[in-house]
Protein backbone atom coordinates (compact mmCIF):
# COMPACT_ATOMS: atom_id res chain seq x y z
CA MET A 1 97.52 190.72 188.28
CA THR A 2 97.81 191.23 185.01
CA GLN A 3 97.35 194.40 183.09
CA THR A 4 96.84 194.50 179.31
CA THR A 5 97.71 197.67 178.58
CA SER A 6 100.47 200.30 179.63
CA GLN A 7 100.07 203.60 179.17
CA THR A 8 102.72 206.55 179.77
CA ALA A 9 100.47 209.05 181.88
CA PRO A 10 97.09 207.37 184.19
CA ASP A 11 93.96 207.02 182.85
CA ARG A 12 91.98 208.91 185.08
CA LEU A 13 88.09 209.57 185.52
CA PRO A 14 86.70 213.19 185.71
CA PRO A 15 84.97 214.11 188.83
CA GLU A 16 81.59 214.72 186.75
CA THR A 17 82.20 210.71 185.19
CA LEU A 18 82.39 209.83 189.24
CA ARG A 19 79.46 211.35 190.43
CA THR A 20 77.55 209.10 188.06
CA LEU A 21 78.51 206.29 189.99
CA PHE A 22 76.09 205.54 192.84
CA LEU A 23 79.03 205.15 195.50
CA PHE A 24 80.34 209.03 194.90
CA GLU A 25 77.36 210.50 193.65
CA ALA A 26 76.07 212.35 196.85
CA LEU A 27 80.39 213.90 197.41
CA ASP A 28 80.79 217.65 197.00
CA ASP A 29 83.23 219.01 194.14
CA ALA A 30 86.00 218.98 196.78
CA LYS A 31 85.83 215.18 197.38
CA LEU A 32 85.33 213.99 193.93
CA ALA A 33 88.65 215.77 192.94
CA TRP A 34 90.31 214.29 195.20
CA LEU A 35 88.96 210.59 193.63
CA SER A 36 89.80 211.67 190.31
CA GLU A 37 93.12 212.73 190.92
CA HIS A 38 94.23 209.67 192.96
CA GLY A 39 92.14 206.77 191.47
CA VAL A 40 93.31 204.84 188.24
CA VAL A 41 91.64 203.18 185.39
CA GLU A 42 93.00 200.36 184.81
CA HIS A 43 91.80 197.21 181.87
CA TYR A 44 91.83 194.00 181.93
CA GLN A 45 90.96 191.49 178.83
CA ALA A 46 88.87 188.63 180.14
CA GLY A 47 90.28 185.58 181.65
CA SER A 48 92.55 187.91 183.96
CA GLN A 49 92.76 187.66 186.96
CA LEU A 50 92.52 191.45 189.23
CA PHE A 51 93.90 189.66 192.46
CA PHE A 52 94.22 186.48 194.56
CA PRO A 53 93.16 185.70 197.99
CA ASP A 54 95.57 186.18 200.66
CA ALA A 55 97.53 188.62 198.67
CA PRO A 56 98.42 192.17 200.51
CA ALA A 57 95.06 194.39 200.11
CA THR A 58 96.39 197.03 198.41
CA CYS A 59 93.57 198.78 196.13
CA PHE A 60 89.73 199.17 196.06
CA TYR A 61 87.86 198.60 192.89
CA VAL A 62 85.41 200.10 191.53
CA LEU A 63 83.75 198.39 188.44
CA LEU A 64 83.10 200.46 185.10
CA ASP A 65 82.69 198.03 182.67
CA GLY A 66 82.52 194.30 182.21
CA THR A 67 81.74 190.97 184.15
CA ILE A 68 83.64 189.62 186.62
CA GLN A 69 83.72 186.74 189.14
CA MET A 70 84.44 186.50 192.35
CA SER A 71 85.60 182.98 194.22
CA ARG A 72 87.23 181.91 197.29
CA ALA A 73 88.63 178.07 197.83
CA VAL A 74 86.55 176.05 200.03
CA ASP A 75 88.34 172.35 200.89
CA GLY A 76 90.64 172.81 197.36
CA THR A 77 87.48 173.68 195.88
CA ASP A 78 86.98 177.28 193.64
CA VAL A 79 83.70 178.37 194.66
CA GLU A 80 82.51 180.98 193.24
CA ILE A 81 81.11 183.69 195.54
CA ASN A 82 79.12 185.86 193.14
CA ARG A 83 79.74 187.56 189.83
CA THR A 84 78.30 190.85 188.18
CA ASP A 85 78.19 193.24 185.73
CA TYR A 86 76.76 196.12 187.70
CA ARG A 87 78.29 199.73 187.18
CA GLY A 88 79.87 200.78 190.28
CA SER A 89 79.82 197.26 192.07
CA TYR A 90 83.19 197.77 194.39
CA PHE A 91 85.66 195.03 195.83
CA GLY A 92 89.14 194.75 196.72
CA ALA A 93 90.15 196.49 199.81
CA THR A 94 86.55 196.90 201.58
CA GLN A 95 87.71 197.25 204.56
CA SER A 96 90.58 199.51 204.19
CA TRP A 97 88.95 202.12 206.62
CA LEU A 98 88.99 200.05 209.51
CA VAL A 99 92.05 201.18 212.57
CA ASN A 100 94.04 199.80 214.65
CA ALA A 101 91.05 198.39 217.39
CA THR A 102 89.81 195.77 214.99
CA ASN A 103 93.14 195.10 213.53
CA PRO A 104 95.34 195.61 216.78
CA GLU A 105 98.85 193.83 215.56
CA ASN A 106 98.44 196.54 212.60
CA ARG A 107 99.09 193.62 210.25
CA ALA A 108 98.12 194.76 206.30
CA GLN A 109 94.87 193.73 205.23
CA ARG A 110 94.90 190.80 202.78
CA TYR A 111 92.35 189.65 199.97
CA GLY A 112 90.10 187.02 200.95
CA SER A 113 88.88 186.05 198.05
CA SER A 114 89.82 186.08 194.09
CA VAL A 115 88.60 187.92 191.18
CA ARG A 116 88.82 187.15 187.95
CA ALA A 117 87.16 188.83 184.86
CA LEU A 118 85.19 187.06 183.11
CA THR A 119 85.06 189.93 179.76
CA ASP A 120 86.98 192.85 179.00
CA VAL A 121 87.07 194.58 181.99
CA ARG A 122 87.20 198.32 182.98
CA VAL A 123 87.95 199.30 186.56
CA LEU A 124 88.91 202.19 189.07
CA THR A 125 91.81 201.82 191.23
CA LEU A 126 92.53 203.54 194.34
CA PRO A 127 95.51 203.10 196.82
CA ALA A 128 94.20 201.14 199.69
CA GLU A 129 96.34 202.74 202.34
CA GLU A 130 95.14 206.11 200.94
CA PHE A 131 91.94 205.82 200.70
CA GLY A 132 90.76 204.22 204.11
CA GLY A 133 93.27 207.02 205.44
CA ILE A 134 90.53 209.80 203.45
CA MET A 135 87.54 207.85 204.90
CA ARG A 136 88.48 208.39 208.20
CA GLN A 137 89.03 211.92 207.55
CA TRP A 138 85.81 213.10 205.40
CA PHE A 139 83.62 210.79 207.39
CA PRO A 140 84.92 209.91 210.97
CA MET A 141 81.67 209.08 212.89
CA ALA A 142 80.09 207.38 210.34
CA VAL A 143 83.54 205.36 210.23
CA HIS A 144 83.59 204.84 214.14
CA LEU A 145 79.91 203.31 212.98
CA LEU A 146 81.07 201.18 210.63
CA GLU A 147 83.38 200.04 212.73
CA GLY A 148 81.45 198.82 215.60
CA LEU A 149 78.89 197.63 213.24
CA PHE A 150 81.67 195.84 211.36
CA VAL A 151 83.02 194.43 214.50
CA GLY A 152 79.85 193.35 216.46
CA MET A 153 78.63 191.84 213.15
CA ARG A 154 81.39 189.67 213.08
CA ALA A 155 81.01 188.66 216.44
CA SER A 156 77.51 187.85 216.23
CA GLU A 157 77.85 185.75 213.41
CA ALA A 158 80.88 183.63 214.52
CA ILE A 159 79.28 182.58 218.19
CA ILE A 160 75.86 182.21 215.99
CA GLY A 161 77.33 180.03 213.25
CA GLN A 162 79.64 178.27 215.43
CA ARG A 163 76.47 177.26 217.53
CA GLU A 164 73.90 176.64 214.82
CA ARG A 165 77.07 174.25 213.14
CA LEU A 166 77.78 172.68 216.43
CA THR A 167 73.67 172.22 216.81
CA ALA A 168 73.32 170.31 213.88
CA LEU A 169 76.55 168.55 213.71
CA GLY A 170 75.44 167.09 217.20
CA ARG A 171 71.96 166.23 216.03
CA LEU A 172 72.62 164.47 212.17
CA THR A 173 75.96 162.61 214.64
CA ALA A 174 73.01 161.52 217.28
CA GLY A 175 70.68 160.41 214.14
CA LEU A 176 73.43 158.68 212.42
CA THR A 177 74.83 156.85 215.53
CA HIS A 178 71.42 155.40 216.43
CA GLU A 179 70.53 154.48 213.17
CA LEU A 180 74.16 152.16 213.17
CA ASN A 181 73.64 151.30 216.69
CA ASN A 182 70.86 148.86 215.58
CA PRO A 183 72.19 146.98 212.70
CA ALA A 184 75.84 146.85 214.45
CA ALA A 185 73.75 145.44 217.58
CA ALA A 186 72.32 142.69 214.99
CA ALA A 187 75.21 141.89 213.41
CA VAL A 188 77.17 141.48 216.70
CA ARG A 189 74.25 139.19 218.38
CA ALA A 190 73.93 137.03 214.85
CA THR A 191 77.84 136.54 214.60
CA ALA A 192 77.95 135.33 218.38
CA THR A 193 74.86 133.18 217.57
CA LEU A 194 76.44 131.83 214.76
CA ARG A 195 79.78 130.94 216.37
CA GLU A 196 78.06 128.41 218.57
CA ARG A 197 76.11 127.19 215.75
CA VAL A 198 78.96 126.64 213.91
CA ALA A 199 80.65 124.77 217.41
CA ALA A 200 77.39 122.61 217.40
CA MET A 201 77.53 121.69 214.18
CA ARG A 202 80.86 120.50 213.68
CA HIS A 203 80.24 118.30 216.99
CA LYS A 204 77.15 117.03 215.21
CA LEU A 205 79.35 116.33 211.83
CA GLY A 206 82.02 114.36 214.08
CA ALA A 207 78.85 112.14 216.22
CA LEU A 208 77.67 111.17 212.38
CA ALA A 209 81.13 110.47 210.89
CA SER A 210 82.05 108.49 214.00
CA GLY A 211 81.26 105.44 212.13
CA MET A 212 77.82 105.28 213.60
CA VAL A 213 76.38 105.95 210.83
CA ASP A 214 76.92 104.25 207.33
CA PRO A 215 78.69 106.30 204.26
CA GLU A 216 75.51 105.87 201.97
CA SER A 217 73.08 107.13 204.69
CA LEU A 218 75.99 110.33 205.11
CA MET A 219 75.78 111.05 201.86
CA MET A 220 71.81 111.16 201.63
CA LEU A 221 72.10 113.69 204.81
CA SER A 222 74.21 115.93 202.88
CA ALA A 223 72.00 115.96 199.94
CA MET A 224 69.07 116.49 202.02
CA GLN A 225 70.76 119.09 203.66
CA GLU A 226 71.07 121.00 200.29
CA GLU A 227 68.48 120.27 199.31
CA ALA A 228 66.54 122.36 202.75
CA ILE A 229 69.06 125.06 202.23
CA GLU A 230 67.83 125.77 198.35
CA LYS A 231 64.31 125.50 199.72
CA ALA A 232 64.91 128.22 202.72
CA ALA A 233 66.20 130.44 199.97
CA LYS A 234 62.69 130.17 198.15
CA ALA A 235 60.49 130.51 200.91
CA PRO A 236 57.55 132.46 200.82
CA GLU A 237 56.93 134.91 203.74
CA LEU A 238 54.19 134.02 206.06
CA SER A 239 51.74 136.16 208.34
CA ALA A 240 52.45 136.05 211.54
CA VAL A 241 49.30 133.53 212.07
CA GLN A 242 50.39 131.37 209.09
CA ALA A 243 53.73 130.72 211.08
CA SER A 244 52.42 130.27 214.45
CA ASP A 245 50.04 127.93 212.83
CA ARG A 246 53.21 125.57 210.97
CA GLU A 247 55.02 125.75 214.27
CA ASP A 248 52.44 124.14 215.94
CA GLU A 249 52.19 121.54 213.16
CA ILE A 250 56.04 121.15 213.26
CA SER A 251 56.04 120.83 216.97
CA ASP A 252 53.30 118.24 217.47
CA TRP A 253 55.14 116.10 214.33
CA LEU A 254 58.58 116.30 216.12
CA ASP A 255 56.72 115.61 219.59
CA ASP A 256 55.13 112.55 217.87
CA HIS A 257 58.31 111.16 216.60
CA ASP A 258 60.22 111.15 219.89
CA GLN A 259 62.31 114.41 219.24
CA THR A 260 63.30 116.04 222.18
CA ASN A 261 62.85 119.99 222.49
CA GLY A 262 61.17 120.09 219.10
CA TRP A 263 59.98 123.34 219.79
CA GLN A 264 63.55 124.79 219.78
CA LEU A 265 63.94 123.63 215.80
CA ALA A 266 60.20 124.39 214.88
CA PRO A 267 60.86 128.16 214.06
CA ILE A 268 63.72 127.38 212.33
CA LEU A 269 62.36 124.75 209.95
CA VAL A 270 59.33 127.16 209.51
CA ALA A 271 61.41 130.62 208.92
CA SER A 272 62.87 127.88 206.43
CA GLY A 273 59.75 127.18 204.15
CA LEU A 274 59.56 123.50 205.55
CA ASP A 275 56.77 121.56 206.56
CA THR A 276 55.19 118.58 208.05
CA GLU A 277 55.30 116.64 204.50
CA TRP A 278 59.06 117.75 204.08
CA LEU A 279 59.50 116.10 207.65
CA ASP A 280 57.20 113.06 206.39
CA ASP A 281 59.85 112.91 203.46
CA ILE A 282 63.14 113.11 206.10
CA ALA A 283 61.76 110.10 208.15
CA GLU A 284 61.21 107.79 204.96
CA ARG A 285 65.10 108.78 203.88
CA ILE A 286 66.90 108.31 207.45
CA PRO A 287 66.92 105.61 209.31
CA ALA A 288 64.88 106.32 212.86
CA ALA A 289 67.80 106.10 215.31
CA HIS A 290 69.62 108.76 213.56
CA LEU A 291 66.45 111.26 212.55
CA GLU A 292 67.21 113.15 215.51
CA GLY A 293 70.45 113.77 214.82
CA GLY A 294 70.14 114.01 211.11
CA LEU A 295 67.62 116.57 211.67
CA ARG A 296 69.53 118.64 214.31
CA TRP A 297 72.62 118.74 211.51
CA ILE A 298 69.98 120.53 208.81
CA THR A 299 68.64 122.76 210.90
CA TYR A 300 72.08 123.97 212.22
CA ALA A 301 72.69 124.30 208.69
CA LEU A 302 69.52 126.35 208.29
CA GLU A 303 70.16 128.46 211.23
CA SER A 304 73.89 129.03 209.89
CA GLU A 305 71.99 130.17 206.93
CA GLN A 306 69.69 132.32 208.46
CA LEU A 307 72.13 134.08 210.74
CA MET A 308 74.25 134.73 207.77
CA SER A 309 71.69 136.20 206.01
CA GLU A 310 71.13 138.48 209.28
CA ILE A 311 74.56 139.76 209.02
CA GLU A 312 74.31 140.75 205.64
CA GLU A 313 71.27 143.04 205.95
CA ALA A 314 72.88 144.35 209.16
CA THR A 315 75.92 145.20 207.20
CA GLU A 316 74.39 146.73 203.76
CA ARG A 317 72.22 148.87 206.43
CA ILE A 318 75.72 149.76 207.57
CA SER A 319 77.03 150.88 204.25
CA ALA A 320 73.65 152.33 203.14
CA LEU A 321 74.07 154.55 206.08
CA VAL A 322 77.30 155.37 205.24
CA GLY A 323 76.88 156.30 202.21
CA ALA A 324 73.83 158.60 202.61
CA ALA A 325 75.91 160.27 205.04
CA LYS A 326 78.76 160.89 202.28
CA GLN A 327 76.09 162.01 199.84
CA TYR A 328 74.19 164.25 202.40
CA SER A 329 77.97 165.72 203.13
CA GLN A 330 79.11 165.84 199.51
CA MET A 331 82.57 164.08 200.15
CA ASP A 332 84.72 163.77 197.53
CA ARG A 333 82.36 165.48 195.35
CA ALA A 334 82.39 169.08 192.96
CA ALA A 335 81.08 171.76 194.42
CA HIS A 336 79.02 172.51 191.60
CA GLN A 337 77.54 169.72 189.63
CA ASN A 338 74.76 168.39 187.75
CA ALA A 339 73.52 165.70 189.98
CA ASP A 340 70.31 163.84 190.74
CA ILE A 341 68.55 165.91 192.89
CA HIS A 342 66.80 162.88 194.65
CA ALA A 343 69.52 161.58 195.94
CA GLY A 344 70.08 164.53 198.36
CA LEU A 345 66.53 164.01 199.60
CA ASP A 346 67.00 160.79 200.23
CA SER A 347 70.42 160.92 202.19
CA THR A 348 68.76 164.01 203.85
CA LEU A 349 65.53 161.77 205.12
CA VAL A 350 67.87 159.56 206.24
CA MET A 351 70.14 161.03 208.44
CA LEU A 352 66.88 162.75 209.76
CA GLY A 353 65.59 159.51 210.37
CA ARG A 354 65.70 159.67 214.00
CA LYS A 355 64.22 162.88 214.66
CA ILE A 356 60.95 161.61 212.70
CA PRO A 357 58.54 160.48 215.41
CA GLU A 358 56.55 157.23 215.00
CA GLY A 359 53.18 159.08 214.11
CA VAL A 360 54.71 160.93 211.51
CA THR A 361 54.16 159.38 208.08
CA VAL A 362 56.82 160.19 205.29
CA VAL A 363 55.50 160.52 201.76
CA ARG A 364 57.98 160.35 198.86
CA ASP A 365 56.49 161.63 195.79
CA PHE A 366 59.06 161.81 193.23
CA ASP A 367 59.37 162.70 189.75
CA LYS A 368 62.10 159.92 188.41
CA ASP A 369 61.65 161.88 184.93
CA LEU A 370 63.17 165.34 186.25
CA PRO A 371 66.42 165.50 184.73
CA PRO A 372 69.78 166.33 186.59
CA VAL A 373 69.83 169.68 187.75
CA PRO A 374 72.79 172.11 188.33
CA MET A 375 73.40 172.43 191.77
CA PHE A 376 75.84 173.19 194.68
CA ALA A 377 74.70 169.68 196.23
CA ALA A 378 76.17 170.34 199.92
CA GLU A 379 74.32 173.46 200.46
CA LEU A 380 71.01 172.20 198.94
CA ASN A 381 71.46 169.19 201.65
CA GLN A 382 71.69 172.22 204.28
CA VAL A 383 68.09 173.66 202.66
CA TRP A 384 66.34 170.04 202.81
CA THR A 385 67.59 169.87 206.17
CA ASN A 386 66.30 173.19 207.55
CA LEU A 387 62.72 173.00 205.41
CA ILE A 388 62.38 169.25 206.80
CA ASP A 389 63.32 169.91 210.27
CA ASN A 390 60.33 172.76 210.63
CA ALA A 391 57.92 170.71 209.01
CA ILE A 392 58.45 168.31 211.68
CA GLN A 393 58.63 170.28 214.30
CA ALA A 394 55.38 172.02 213.35
CA MET A 395 53.32 169.20 213.25
CA ASP A 396 54.00 167.90 217.08
CA GLY A 397 54.63 164.50 216.71
CA SER A 398 51.72 162.92 214.54
CA GLY A 399 50.65 164.06 210.61
CA THR A 400 51.89 163.49 207.52
CA LEU A 401 55.44 164.59 205.92
CA THR A 402 55.45 164.88 201.85
CA VAL A 403 58.74 165.26 199.81
CA ARG A 404 57.42 165.93 196.25
CA THR A 405 59.39 166.61 193.19
CA ALA A 406 57.80 167.80 189.63
CA ARG A 407 59.11 169.62 186.26
CA ASP A 408 57.69 173.48 186.45
CA GLY A 409 58.53 174.50 183.38
CA GLU A 410 62.44 175.20 183.13
CA PHE A 411 62.58 174.97 186.67
CA ALA A 412 62.58 171.92 189.31
CA LEU A 413 60.23 172.02 191.90
CA VAL A 414 60.76 170.67 195.49
CA GLU A 415 57.92 170.77 198.09
CA ILE A 416 58.34 170.17 201.76
CA CYS A 417 55.05 169.63 203.08
CA ASP A 418 53.28 169.01 206.22
CA THR A 419 50.20 168.81 207.55
CA GLY A 420 50.43 170.99 210.43
CA PRO A 421 48.62 174.14 211.86
CA GLY A 422 50.07 176.50 209.12
CA VAL A 423 51.98 179.97 208.65
CA PRO A 424 49.93 182.43 209.24
CA PRO A 425 48.94 184.51 206.27
CA GLU A 426 50.73 187.87 207.75
CA LEU A 427 54.09 186.00 208.48
CA THR A 428 54.32 184.05 205.21
CA THR A 429 56.19 187.17 204.15
CA LYS A 430 58.41 187.79 207.29
CA ILE A 431 59.54 183.86 207.97
CA PHE A 432 62.07 184.46 205.46
CA GLU A 433 63.69 187.35 207.32
CA PRO A 434 67.08 186.91 208.87
CA PHE A 435 66.76 186.32 212.59
CA TYR A 436 62.91 186.26 212.67
CA THR A 437 61.81 183.15 214.36
CA THR A 438 58.61 182.14 215.62
CA LYS A 439 59.76 178.98 217.79
CA ALA A 440 60.09 179.51 221.27
CA VAL A 441 62.85 181.13 223.04
CA GLY A 442 65.98 178.88 223.19
CA LYS A 443 64.87 176.75 220.31
CA GLY A 444 65.59 178.76 216.68
CA THR A 445 67.55 181.22 215.71
CA GLY A 446 65.71 182.55 212.59
CA LEU A 447 68.51 182.10 210.62
CA GLY A 448 68.04 178.65 208.88
CA LEU A 449 65.19 179.57 206.35
CA ASP A 450 67.13 182.94 205.80
CA ILE A 451 70.39 180.98 205.04
CA SER A 452 67.88 178.60 202.70
CA TRP A 453 66.21 181.73 200.63
CA ARG A 454 69.94 182.45 200.15
CA ILE A 455 71.07 179.34 198.94
CA VAL A 456 68.36 179.23 197.05
CA ALA A 457 67.67 182.56 195.25
CA ASN A 458 71.07 183.41 195.18
CA ARG A 459 73.47 180.59 194.62
CA HIS A 460 71.11 178.71 192.40
CA GLY A 461 69.14 181.26 190.78
CA GLY A 462 65.97 180.04 191.75
CA ASP A 463 63.26 180.69 194.27
CA LEU A 464 61.55 179.53 197.42
CA ARG A 465 58.24 180.48 198.75
CA VAL A 466 55.89 179.31 201.09
CA VAL A 467 52.32 178.40 200.34
CA SER A 468 50.26 177.67 203.50
CA LYS A 469 46.73 177.04 204.74
CA PRO A 470 45.67 174.41 207.87
CA GLY A 471 46.77 171.38 207.90
CA ASP A 472 48.97 171.93 204.73
CA THR A 473 52.00 173.78 204.39
CA ARG A 474 54.27 173.73 201.38
CA PHE A 475 57.65 175.14 201.44
CA GLN A 476 58.22 175.46 197.48
CA ALA A 477 61.70 175.40 196.24
CA ARG A 478 61.99 176.01 192.50
CA LEU A 479 65.74 175.22 190.65
CA PRO A 480 66.47 176.07 187.50
CA LEU A 481 67.24 173.20 185.05
CA VAL A 482 69.72 175.26 182.83
CA ALA A 483 72.56 176.85 185.28
CA PRO A 484 71.86 180.99 185.11
CA GLU A 485 73.83 183.65 184.84
CA ILE A 486 73.49 185.12 188.15
CA PRO A 487 74.17 188.67 187.99
CA GLY A 488 75.43 190.82 191.19
CA GLN A 489 73.71 193.70 192.68
CA GLY A 490 75.93 196.71 194.04
CA ASN A 491 78.99 195.04 195.84
CA PRO A 492 79.41 191.59 195.22
CA GLU A 493 81.17 190.63 198.39
């Protein structure tokens, strides 16, 4: 702790000044006299650290002038919890009145966060041990009630928070596992088939090179194989009916030219954009005795290319899913950053993909001209998860989920819209209250929208509201495009 002034006599506040602080305004003269005698006014320059986390909680602080910032280290990153210039805000050893019932080993309490002076600051400090003792002496019943409330709330929050995190983690893990399973299984199947085709190609190449085919014909076959692969890369996409008709034509051609099991080759040739005209050209250039072997050799190469494309698509899908999970969790990212808000929305939709029923249509209506938004990205992803999950449940299996972004003055507007039955007008002011839920017992804790509101409003200086009528419910989050100074109110803890 870096104080900037040293005084021979402690600087103290008179009782009449203490009474102007909201925390002490109702105290009688004797109590104010005790506080005046034991409290010391201290001064800190801008940039000074008042205390660090895990240091012994020796002082109870009351802000008199200036602005402070409270922060806490999360995964090695310093995350701002609050900042305030509100006169009378208190912080530091705020639990000094707790007794052995909540601290059974009688360990010295420690600061849970760090506090830094953003401007020159003046604070009133009270020794934690003396202040806690006098609190228990002055207000014994209130302290007992506060202890019970504190212990109960801490236990409830721990149980509910753990349950919420485990439930959310389980849902996301199940969805991600399901999404990863499909491309992984496709890659495994394509790899097994590719191994068979490469073995068959080696066998056919051995037969062609055994001397039965003259070198000139072999060179011609190799050239035609490359031509076919190049043509396949530019093959137009056919409808199911067009592909079926062309397969019938090619199968008939192969039968007419005495090719065994031509029906096996037809789908591969059609997928590669080849037709009977190409087959006629091949038949003219390859001796009839080697037509079947040559066609199969070329077809094996084409199928191998198709299988490698399938493997590439599958692995790209896996990579994209891993990238979405990384974006969603904000691994290796700074806690606060200017970021593209659409990246978080996209990654959340990917992570919730398995929860979206087939009857729900997802519409992305993004304003790509939106500038980067200053945000705690991982926390906003939690907001999008809550809002999208609620919208999916509201539609009960069918409807349209619209995720929209737009600029609204100096704010970025994010709307999560659903076509469900809507929120009754009498509930629109209640749904953001903690523990209030319209879901059935066991389906929700009533914390999702409360947490979302606090993240948007308190953490980002924005606004979260709902506009609803049957068939059109919109949760609207407005986030400032310029990081605001978010003043605290009362206790910054």
